[in-house]
C-alpha cells in the first residue's frame, strides 16, 4: 500500500512537473505525450493523483501521521524528479524495478 502511495505521488508530480514552462518538453515516464499538449488536462490529472496519494497515506497512517508521511514522500519524490528528469535517468525501465523491489520488501519484510 505504501508502494501504491509512492507510485501515485510519482505519477502525479511528474504530470504537474511536465506542465512547467521551464522544463524542456520531454516525456518523463513515457505516457505524457498520450495526454496531448493541453496543460489543463495534465495538471488536473496530476492533482488528482496527488490527492489520491494523500488519501492513501491517510488511510494507512491516520490523520496527523498520514499528513506528515505524505509530505515526506512528496518532498522525496519531488526532489528525485527534479534532479533525475533533466538527466534522463527517470524512465519506466528504472522506476518499475525499483517499485517492484519496494513492493516485495513491503509485503515480506514489514
Protein backbone atom coordinates (compact mmCIF):
# COMPACT_ATOMS: atom_id res chain seq x y z
CA UNK A 1 0.00 0.00 0.00
CA UNK A 2 2.91 2.34 0.68
CA UNK A 3 4.32 1.47 -2.74
CA UNK A 4 1.00 2.46 -4.29
CA UNK A 5 1.17 5.80 -2.49
CA UNK A 6 4.68 6.40 -3.82
CA UNK A 7 3.62 5.43 -7.35
CA UNK A 8 0.64 7.80 -7.23
CA UNK A 9 2.90 10.59 -5.96
CA UNK A 10 5.46 9.93 -8.69
CA UNK A 11 2.88 9.96 -11.48
CA UNK A 12 1.06 12.99 -10.08
CA UNK A 13 4.17 15.06 -9.55
CA UNK A 14 5.66 14.11 -12.92
CA UNK A 15 2.42 15.20 -14.63
CA UNK A 16 2.43 18.52 -12.81
CA UNK A 17 6.16 18.94 -13.47
CA UNK A 18 5.72 18.28 -17.20
CA UNK A 19 3.42 21.32 -17.47
CA UNK A 20 6.12 23.66 -16.15
CA UNK A 21 7.24 26.40 -18.53
CA UNK A 22 10.89 26.00 -17.51
CA UNK A 23 11.00 22.27 -18.23
CA UNK A 24 12.16 21.17 -21.66
CA UNK A 25 9.30 19.32 -23.38
CA UNK A 26 10.43 15.72 -22.98
CA UNK A 27 8.35 12.89 -21.52
CA UNK A 28 9.44 11.79 -18.06
CA UNK A 29 7.67 8.47 -17.58
CA UNK A 30 6.68 7.92 -21.21
CA UNK A 31 2.90 8.40 -21.15
CA UNK A 32 2.78 12.20 -21.13
CA UNK A 33 2.52 12.58 -24.96
CA UNK A 34 -0.65 10.46 -24.96
CA UNK A 35 -2.41 13.15 -22.93
CA UNK A 36 -1.84 15.76 -25.62
CA UNK A 37 -0.43 19.27 -25.45
CA UNK A 38 -3.19 20.63 -23.21
CA UNK A 39 -1.61 21.52 -19.82
CA UNK A 40 -5.01 21.79 -18.09
CA UNK A 41 -5.63 18.05 -18.51
CA UNK A 42 -2.15 17.15 -17.28
CA UNK A 43 -2.41 19.45 -14.27
CA UNK A 44 -5.87 18.16 -13.39
CA UNK A 45 -4.78 14.54 -13.59
CA UNK A 46 -1.61 15.32 -11.66
CA UNK A 47 -3.52 16.97 -8.84
CA UNK A 48 -5.99 14.07 -8.85
CA UNK A 49 -3.16 11.58 -8.42
CA UNK A 50 -1.63 13.71 -5.68
CA UNK A 51 -4.99 13.78 -3.89
CA UNK A 52 -5.34 10.01 -4.22
CA UNK A 53 -1.86 9.60 -2.76
CA UNK A 54 -2.85 11.81 0.17
CA UNK A 55 -5.96 9.71 0.73
CA UNK A 56 -3.88 6.54 0.55
CA UNK A 57 -1.45 7.76 3.21
CA UNK A 58 -4.31 8.98 5.41
CA UNK A 59 -5.91 5.52 5.25
CA UNK A 60 -2.61 3.78 6.01
CA UNK A 61 -1.25 6.00 8.78
CA UNK A 62 -4.12 8.03 10.23
CA UNK A 63 -4.70 11.76 10.11
CA UNK A 64 -1.64 13.53 11.50
CA UNK A 65 0.91 10.82 10.75
CA UNK A 66 -0.57 10.40 7.29
CA UNK A 67 -0.16 14.09 6.51
CA UNK A 68 3.42 14.04 7.79
CA UNK A 69 4.32 10.88 5.84
CA UNK A 70 2.67 12.33 2.72
CA UNK A 71 4.77 15.48 2.98
CA UNK A 72 7.96 13.44 3.47
CA UNK A 73 7.12 11.23 0.47
CA UNK A 74 6.20 14.29 -1.61
CA UNK A 75 9.46 16.07 -0.82
CA UNK A 76 11.46 12.93 -1.63
CA UNK A 77 9.67 12.21 -4.90
CA UNK A 78 9.75 15.87 -5.96
CA UNK A 79 13.49 16.09 -5.31
CA UNK A 80 14.14 12.92 -7.29
CA UNK A 81 12.01 14.03 -10.24
CA UNK A 82 13.56 17.49 -10.37
CA UNK A 83 17.10 16.11 -10.15
CA UNK A 84 16.81 13.00 -12.34
CA UNK A 85 14.37 14.07 -15.08
CA UNK A 86 16.75 16.52 -16.83
CA UNK A 87 19.46 13.84 -16.77
CA UNK A 88 17.09 11.33 -18.44
CA UNK A 89 17.65 8.90 -15.55
CA UNK A 90 13.96 8.66 -14.69
CA UNK A 91 12.35 6.21 -17.10
CA UNK A 92 9.96 3.26 -16.78
CA UNK A 93 12.93 0.89 -17.11
CA UNK A 94 14.32 2.34 -13.89
CA UNK A 95 11.12 3.08 -11.98
CA UNK A 96 9.34 -0.28 -12.42
CA UNK A 97 12.12 -2.48 -10.94
CA UNK A 98 12.57 -0.10 -8.01
CA UNK A 99 8.84 -0.14 -7.26
CA UNK A 100 8.79 -3.93 -7.62
CA UNK A 101 11.59 -4.29 -5.07
CA UNK A 102 9.78 -1.88 -2.73
CA UNK A 103 6.55 -3.88 -3.06
CA UNK A 104 8.35 -7.15 -2.27
CA UNK A 105 10.09 -5.63 0.72
CA UNK A 106 6.84 -4.09 1.94
CA UNK A 107 4.96 -7.39 1.79
CA UNK A 108 7.62 -9.81 3.03
CA UNK A 109 9.84 -7.83 5.37
CA UNK A 110 7.44 -5.44 7.04
